[in-house]
Amino acid sequence: MTKLVLDTQVLVNFRHHDFTGHGPHGCRWVDVKSFRFPQGTQDSDLLAALVAHEQFRDDYAGGGVDPAGMRHGPYWLKHVTAHAYRPVASTEALRTLRSWAGQHGAIPESLEETLASTVHTPIESATSCYHLQDLGHQKFHDWGGVHTDFHEYLVIDQDRALLTLLVAADD
């Protein structure tokens, strides 16, 4: 199995930015986890390695990573496989995330700059991008409907041997 090494993790919390005059922040955030991998690893192997990685066992509801966890985002972990991800154009991923970020109105310049460097740049430099498809409510774990919006992208930069997991949601 391909070995992924956690490189960085950044939480972009909208409430840490001044939304005065911009509307509500909507309790939104983006969790960004970047992993290093061996140069030349196939995308399919990277997807499988990420799904098997301990850092993937995160419910994104404040509990953080649970090494023995059974949840990933709103879903039971057993339902989130490498096959649950679909290729998506980087432009579509950026359009979706920008629309989601601005759904309650304009966002502060400080947040726009943070999103540009932590979220948009990895997508723009990606050699491939994947989106977690909607697995349906029947695959939700016991309290999986806690997020109004949940967007997840796996961004692969083969040139830099870097896989980035981007989760954008609200709470």
C-alpha atoms as a PDB file:
ATOM      1  CA  MET A   1       0.000   0.000   0.000  1.00  0.00           C
ATOM      2  CA  THR A   2       1.157   3.513  -0.800  1.00  0.00           C
ATOM      3  CA  LYS A   3       2.464   5.414   2.200  1.00  0.00           C
ATOM      4  CA  LEU A   4       1.108   8.925   2.764  1.00  0.00           C
ATOM      5  CA  VAL A   5       2.818  11.239   5.236  1.00  0.00           C
ATOM      6  CA  LEU A   6       0.825  14.096   6.738  1.00  0.00           C
ATOM      7  CA  ASP A   7       2.642  17.297   5.788  1.00  0.00           C
ATOM      8  CA  THR A   8       0.406  20.145   6.999  1.00  0.00           C
ATOM      9  CA  GLN A   9      -3.056  20.800   8.374  1.00  0.00           C
ATOM     10  CA  VAL A  10      -4.787  24.159   8.329  1.00  0.00           C
ATOM     11  CA  LEU A  11      -8.267  25.074   9.529  1.00  0.00           C
ATOM     12  CA  VAL A  12      -9.715  28.151   7.858  1.00  0.00           C
ATOM     13  CA  ASN A  13     -12.476  29.215  10.239  1.00  0.00           C
ATOM     14  CA  PHE A  14     -14.692  31.956   8.804  1.00  0.00           C
ATOM     15  CA  ARG A  15     -15.535  33.257  12.285  1.00  0.00           C
ATOM     16  CA  HIS A  16     -11.903  34.363  12.697  1.00  0.00           C
ATOM     17  CA  HIS A  17     -12.486  37.063  10.072  1.00  0.00           C
ATOM     18  CA  ASP A  18     -14.373  40.341  10.496  1.00  0.00           C
ATOM     19  CA  PHE A  19     -17.678  39.991   8.664  1.00  0.00           C
ATOM     20  CA  THR A  20     -18.899  43.468   9.705  1.00  0.00           C
ATOM     21  CA  GLY A  21     -20.654  44.834   6.637  1.00  0.00           C
ATOM     22  CA  HIS A  22     -20.354  41.517   4.795  1.00  0.00           C
ATOM     23  CA  GLY A  23     -23.319  39.581   6.173  1.00  0.00           C
ATOM     24  CA  PRO A  24     -23.096  36.482   8.376  1.00  0.00           C
ATOM     25  CA  HIS A  25     -20.188  34.065   8.305  1.00  0.00           C
ATOM     26  CA  GLY A  26     -22.623  31.149   8.530  1.00  0.00           C
ATOM     27  CA  CYS A  27     -20.377  29.102  10.854  1.00  0.00           C
ATOM     28  CA  ARG A  28     -18.382  27.908   7.850  1.00  0.00           C
ATOM     29  CA  TRP A  29     -14.846  26.533   7.691  1.00  0.00           C
ATOM     30  CA  VAL A  30     -12.434  24.655   5.453  1.00  0.00           C
ATOM     31  CA  ASP A  31     -10.166  21.911   6.776  1.00  0.00           C
ATOM     32  CA  VAL A  32      -7.055  21.404   4.641  1.00  0.00           C
ATOM     33  CA  LYS A  33      -4.817  18.366   5.141  1.00  0.00           C
ATOM     34  CA  SER A  34      -1.831  17.871   2.855  1.00  0.00           C
ATOM     35  CA  PHE A  35       0.075  14.616   2.479  1.00  0.00           C
ATOM     36  CA  ARG A  36       3.373  13.747   0.805  1.00  0.00           C
ATOM     37  CA  PHE A  37       3.568  10.623  -1.319  1.00  0.00           C
ATOM     38  CA  PRO A  38       6.190   8.753  -3.348  1.00  0.00           C
ATOM     39  CA  GLN A  39       6.769  10.422  -6.724  1.00  0.00           C
ATOM     40  CA  GLY A  40       4.902   8.746  -9.583  1.00  0.00           C
ATOM     41  CA  THR A  41       2.201   7.058  -7.490  1.00  0.00           C
ATOM     42  CA  GLN A  42      -0.976   6.400  -9.465  1.00  0.00           C
ATOM     43  CA  ASP A  43      -4.071   8.430  -8.528  1.00  0.00           C
ATOM     44  CA  SER A  44      -6.067   5.269  -7.793  1.00  0.00           C
ATOM     45  CA  ASP A  45      -3.423   4.151  -5.291  1.00  0.00           C
ATOM     46  CA  LEU A  46      -3.429   7.608  -3.673  1.00  0.00           C
ATOM     47  CA  LEU A  47      -7.212   7.570  -3.250  1.00  0.00           C
ATOM     48  CA  ALA A  48      -7.079   4.133  -1.631  1.00  0.00           C
ATOM     49  CA  ALA A  49      -4.187   5.157   0.632  1.00  0.00           C
ATOM     50  CA  LEU A  50      -5.978   8.284   1.792  1.00  0.00           C
ATOM     51  CA  VAL A  51      -9.198   6.447   2.629  1.00  0.00           C
ATOM     52  CA  ALA A  52      -7.141   3.976   4.678  1.00  0.00           C
ATOM     53  CA  HIS A  53      -5.129   6.703   6.455  1.00  0.00           C
ATOM     54  CA  GLU A  54      -5.765   7.432  10.155  1.00  0.00           C
ATOM     55  CA  GLN A  55      -6.174  11.170   9.404  1.00  0.00           C
ATOM     56  CA  PHE A  56      -9.156  10.306   7.210  1.00  0.00           C
ATOM     57  CA  ARG A  57     -11.159   9.179  10.280  1.00  0.00           C
ATOM     58  CA  ASP A  58     -12.517  12.629  11.029  1.00  0.00           C
ATOM     59  CA  ASP A  59     -16.184  13.424  11.570  1.00  0.00           C
ATOM     60  CA  TYR A  60     -15.552  17.156  10.990  1.00  0.00           C
ATOM     61  CA  ALA A  61     -17.883  18.018  13.808  1.00  0.00           C
ATOM     62  CA  GLY A  62     -15.393  19.023  16.482  1.00  0.00           C
ATOM     63  CA  GLY A  63     -14.189  15.624  17.608  1.00  0.00           C
ATOM     64  CA  GLY A  64     -11.138  15.592  15.357  1.00  0.00           C
ATOM     65  CA  VAL A  65      -9.421  12.447  14.169  1.00  0.00           C
ATOM     66  CA  ASP A  66     -10.414   9.284  15.999  1.00  0.00           C
ATOM     67  CA  PRO A  67      -7.775   6.560  15.352  1.00  0.00           C
ATOM     68  CA  ALA A  68     -10.419   3.885  15.866  1.00  0.00           C
ATOM     69  CA  GLY A  69     -13.083   6.039  14.233  1.00  0.00           C
ATOM     70  CA  MET A  70     -15.991   4.764  12.256  1.00  0.00           C
ATOM     71  CA  ARG A  71     -17.061   8.090  10.728  1.00  0.00           C
ATOM     72  CA  HIS A  72     -15.852  10.317   7.929  1.00  0.00           C
ATOM     73  CA  GLY A  73     -17.718  13.576   7.593  1.00  0.00           C
ATOM     74  CA  PRO A  74     -21.427  12.798   7.577  1.00  0.00           C
ATOM     75  CA  TYR A  75     -20.945   9.169   6.505  1.00  0.00           C
ATOM     76  CA  TRP A  76     -20.113   5.879   8.112  1.00  0.00           C
ATOM     77  CA  LEU A  77     -16.473   5.311   7.185  1.00  0.00           C
ATOM     78  CA  LYS A  78     -17.215   1.900   5.651  1.00  0.00           C
ATOM     79  CA  HIS A  79     -19.174   3.619   2.846  1.00  0.00           C
ATOM     80  CA  VAL A  80     -16.420   6.057   1.871  1.00  0.00           C
ATOM     81  CA  THR A  81     -14.153   4.144  -0.496  1.00  0.00           C
ATOM     82  CA  ALA A  82     -11.806   5.243  -3.251  1.00  0.00           C
ATOM     83  CA  HIS A  83     -14.661   4.500  -5.667  1.00  0.00           C
ATOM     84  CA  ALA A  84     -16.833   7.158  -3.974  1.00  0.00           C
ATOM     85  CA  TYR A  85     -14.694   9.881  -5.587  1.00  0.00           C
ATOM     86  CA  ARG A  86     -15.305  11.183  -9.088  1.00  0.00           C
ATOM     87  CA  PRO A  87     -12.901  13.180 -11.240  1.00  0.00           C
ATOM     88  CA  VAL A  88     -13.867  16.837 -11.463  1.00  0.00           C
ATOM     89  CA  ALA A  89     -12.369  19.742 -13.372  1.00  0.00           C
ATOM     90  CA  SER A  90     -10.425  22.165 -11.201  1.00  0.00           C
ATOM     91  CA  THR A  91     -12.539  25.007 -12.574  1.00  0.00           C
ATOM     92  CA  GLU A  92     -15.713  23.273 -11.378  1.00  0.00           C
ATOM     93  CA  ALA A  93     -14.250  22.652  -7.906  1.00  0.00           C
ATOM     94  CA  LEU A  94     -13.225  26.316  -7.632  1.00  0.00           C
ATOM     95  CA  ARG A  95     -16.643  27.499  -8.838  1.00  0.00           C
ATOM     96  CA  THR A  96     -18.423  25.321  -6.264  1.00  0.00           C
ATOM     97  CA  LEU A  97     -16.187  26.401  -3.366  1.00  0.00           C
ATOM     98  CA  ARG A  98     -16.354  30.101  -4.294  1.00  0.00           C
ATOM     99  CA  SER A  99     -20.140  29.914  -4.532  1.00  0.00           C
ATOM    100  CA  TRP A 100     -20.319  28.115  -1.183  1.00  0.00           C
ATOM    101  CA  ALA A 101     -17.996  30.654   0.495  1.00  0.00           C
ATOM    102  CA  GLY A 102     -20.001  33.606  -0.824  1.00  0.00           C
ATOM    103  CA  GLN A 103     -23.479  32.181  -0.334  1.00  0.00           C
ATOM    104  CA  HIS A 104     -24.350  34.727   2.376  1.00  0.00           C
ATOM    105  CA  GLY A 105     -22.804  37.698   0.581  1.00  0.00           C
ATOM    106  CA  ALA A 106     -19.356  39.137   0.039  1.00  0.00           C
ATOM    107  CA  ILE A 107     -16.554  37.784   2.187  1.00  0.00           C
ATOM    108  CA  PRO A 108     -13.890  39.903   3.893  1.00  0.00           C
ATOM    109  CA  GLU A 109     -10.648  40.534   2.010  1.00  0.00           C
ATOM    110  CA  SER A 110      -8.618  38.796   4.737  1.00  0.00           C
ATOM    111  CA  LEU A 111     -10.656  35.621   4.272  1.00  0.00           C
ATOM    112  CA  GLU A 112     -10.455  35.859   0.481  1.00  0.00           C
ATOM    113  CA  GLU A 113      -6.654  36.040   0.746  1.00  0.00           C
ATOM    114  CA  THR A 114      -6.563  33.062   3.121  1.00  0.00           C
ATOM    115  CA  LEU A 115      -8.832  30.996   0.861  1.00  0.00           C
ATOM    116  CA  ALA A 116      -6.731  31.914  -2.167  1.00  0.00           C
ATOM    117  CA  SER A 117      -3.521  30.646  -0.571  1.00  0.00           C
ATOM    118  CA  THR A 118      -4.820  27.584   1.298  1.00  0.00           C
ATOM    119  CA  VAL A 119      -7.692  26.360  -0.891  1.00  0.00           C
ATOM    120  CA  HIS A 120      -7.628  27.889  -4.378  1.00  0.00           C
ATOM    121  CA  THR A 121      -3.874  27.586  -5.041  1.00  0.00           C
ATOM    122  CA  PRO A 122      -3.707  23.794  -4.466  1.00  0.00           C
ATOM    123  CA  ILE A 123      -6.712  23.306  -6.755  1.00  0.00           C
ATOM    124  CA  GLU A 124      -5.259  25.559  -9.453  1.00  0.00           C
ATOM    125  CA  SER A 125      -1.929  23.692  -9.425  1.00  0.00           C
ATOM    126  CA  ALA A 126      -3.505  20.222  -9.338  1.00  0.00           C
ATOM    127  CA  THR A 127      -2.734  17.634 -11.954  1.00  0.00           C
ATOM    128  CA  SER A 128      -6.014  15.942 -10.968  1.00  0.00           C
ATOM    129  CA  CYS A 129      -8.966  16.684  -8.742  1.00  0.00           C
ATOM    130  CA  TYR A 130     -11.644  14.396  -7.279  1.00  0.00           C
ATOM    131  CA  HIS A 131     -14.941  15.130  -5.554  1.00  0.00           C
ATOM    132  CA  LEU A 132     -16.628  12.946  -2.949  1.00  0.00           C
ATOM    133  CA  GLN A 133     -19.979  12.197  -4.469  1.00  0.00           C
ATOM    134  CA  ASP A 134     -23.158  12.469  -2.428  1.00  0.00           C
ATOM    135  CA  LEU A 135     -23.553   9.001  -0.934  1.00  0.00           C
ATOM    136  CA  GLY A 136     -27.118   9.682   0.202  1.00  0.00           C
ATOM    137  CA  HIS A 137     -28.762  10.022   3.580  1.00  0.00           C
ATOM    138  CA  GLN A 138     -28.972   6.246   4.005  1.00  0.00           C
ATOM    139  CA  LYS A 139     -25.148   6.209   4.368  1.00  0.00           C
ATOM    140  CA  PHE A 140     -25.162   8.939   7.055  1.00  0.00           C
ATOM    141  CA  HIS A 141     -23.872   7.910  10.453  1.00  0.00           C
ATOM    142  CA  ASP A 142     -26.060   8.323  13.547  1.00  0.00           C
ATOM    143  CA  TRP A 143     -25.775  12.147  13.558  1.00  0.00           C
ATOM    144  CA  GLY A 144     -24.489  12.637  10.030  1.00  0.00           C
ATOM    145  CA  GLY A 145     -26.926  15.366   9.042  1.00  0.00           C
ATOM    146  CA  VAL A 146     -25.273  17.984  11.269  1.00  0.00           C
ATOM    147  CA  HIS A 147     -23.818  19.945   8.311  1.00  0.00           C
ATOM    148  CA  THR A 148     -26.041  21.964   5.997  1.00  0.00           C
ATOM    149  CA  ASP A 149     -23.328  21.900   3.336  1.00  0.00           C
ATOM    150  CA  PHE A 150     -20.457  19.434   3.013  1.00  0.00           C
ATOM    151  CA  HIS A 151     -17.989  19.601   0.110  1.00  0.00           C
ATOM    152  CA  GLU A 152     -14.955  17.355  -0.125  1.00  0.00           C
ATOM    153  CA  TYR A 153     -12.194  17.396  -2.719  1.00  0.00           C
ATOM    154  CA  LEU A 154      -8.996  15.397  -3.119  1.00  0.00           C
ATOM    155  CA  VAL A 155      -6.462  17.442  -5.016  1.00  0.00           C
ATOM    156  CA  ILE A 156      -3.379  15.729  -6.410  1.00  0.00           C
ATOM    157  CA  ASP A 157      -0.265  17.565  -7.542  1.00  0.00           C
ATOM    158  CA  GLN A 158       1.955  14.906  -9.110  1.00  0.00           C
ATOM    159  CA  ASP A 159       4.714  17.431  -9.831  1.00  0.00           C
ATOM    160  CA  ARG A 160       5.100  18.252  -6.125  1.00  0.00           C
ATOM    161  CA  ALA A 161       4.095  14.748  -4.887  1.00  0.00           C
ATOM    162  CA  LEU A 162       1.387  16.364  -2.752  1.00  0.00           C
ATOM    163  CA  LEU A 163      -2.183  15.195  -2.088  1.00  0.00           C
ATOM    164  CA  THR A 164      -4.495  17.707  -0.436  1.00  0.00           C
ATOM    165  CA  LEU A 165      -7.777  16.800   1.249  1.00  0.00           C
ATOM    166  CA  LEU A 166     -10.117  19.813   1.295  1.00  0.00           C
ATOM    167  CA  VAL A 167     -13.306  19.657   3.364  1.00  0.00           C
ATOM    168  CA  ALA A 168     -15.570  22.709   3.320  1.00  0.00           C
ATOM    169  CA  ALA A 169     -18.613  22.666   5.578  1.00  0.00           C
ATOM    170  CA  ASP A 170     -20.579  24.461   8.241  1.00  0.00           C
ATOM    171  CA  ASP A 171     -21.644  23.656  11.774  1.00  0.00           C
END
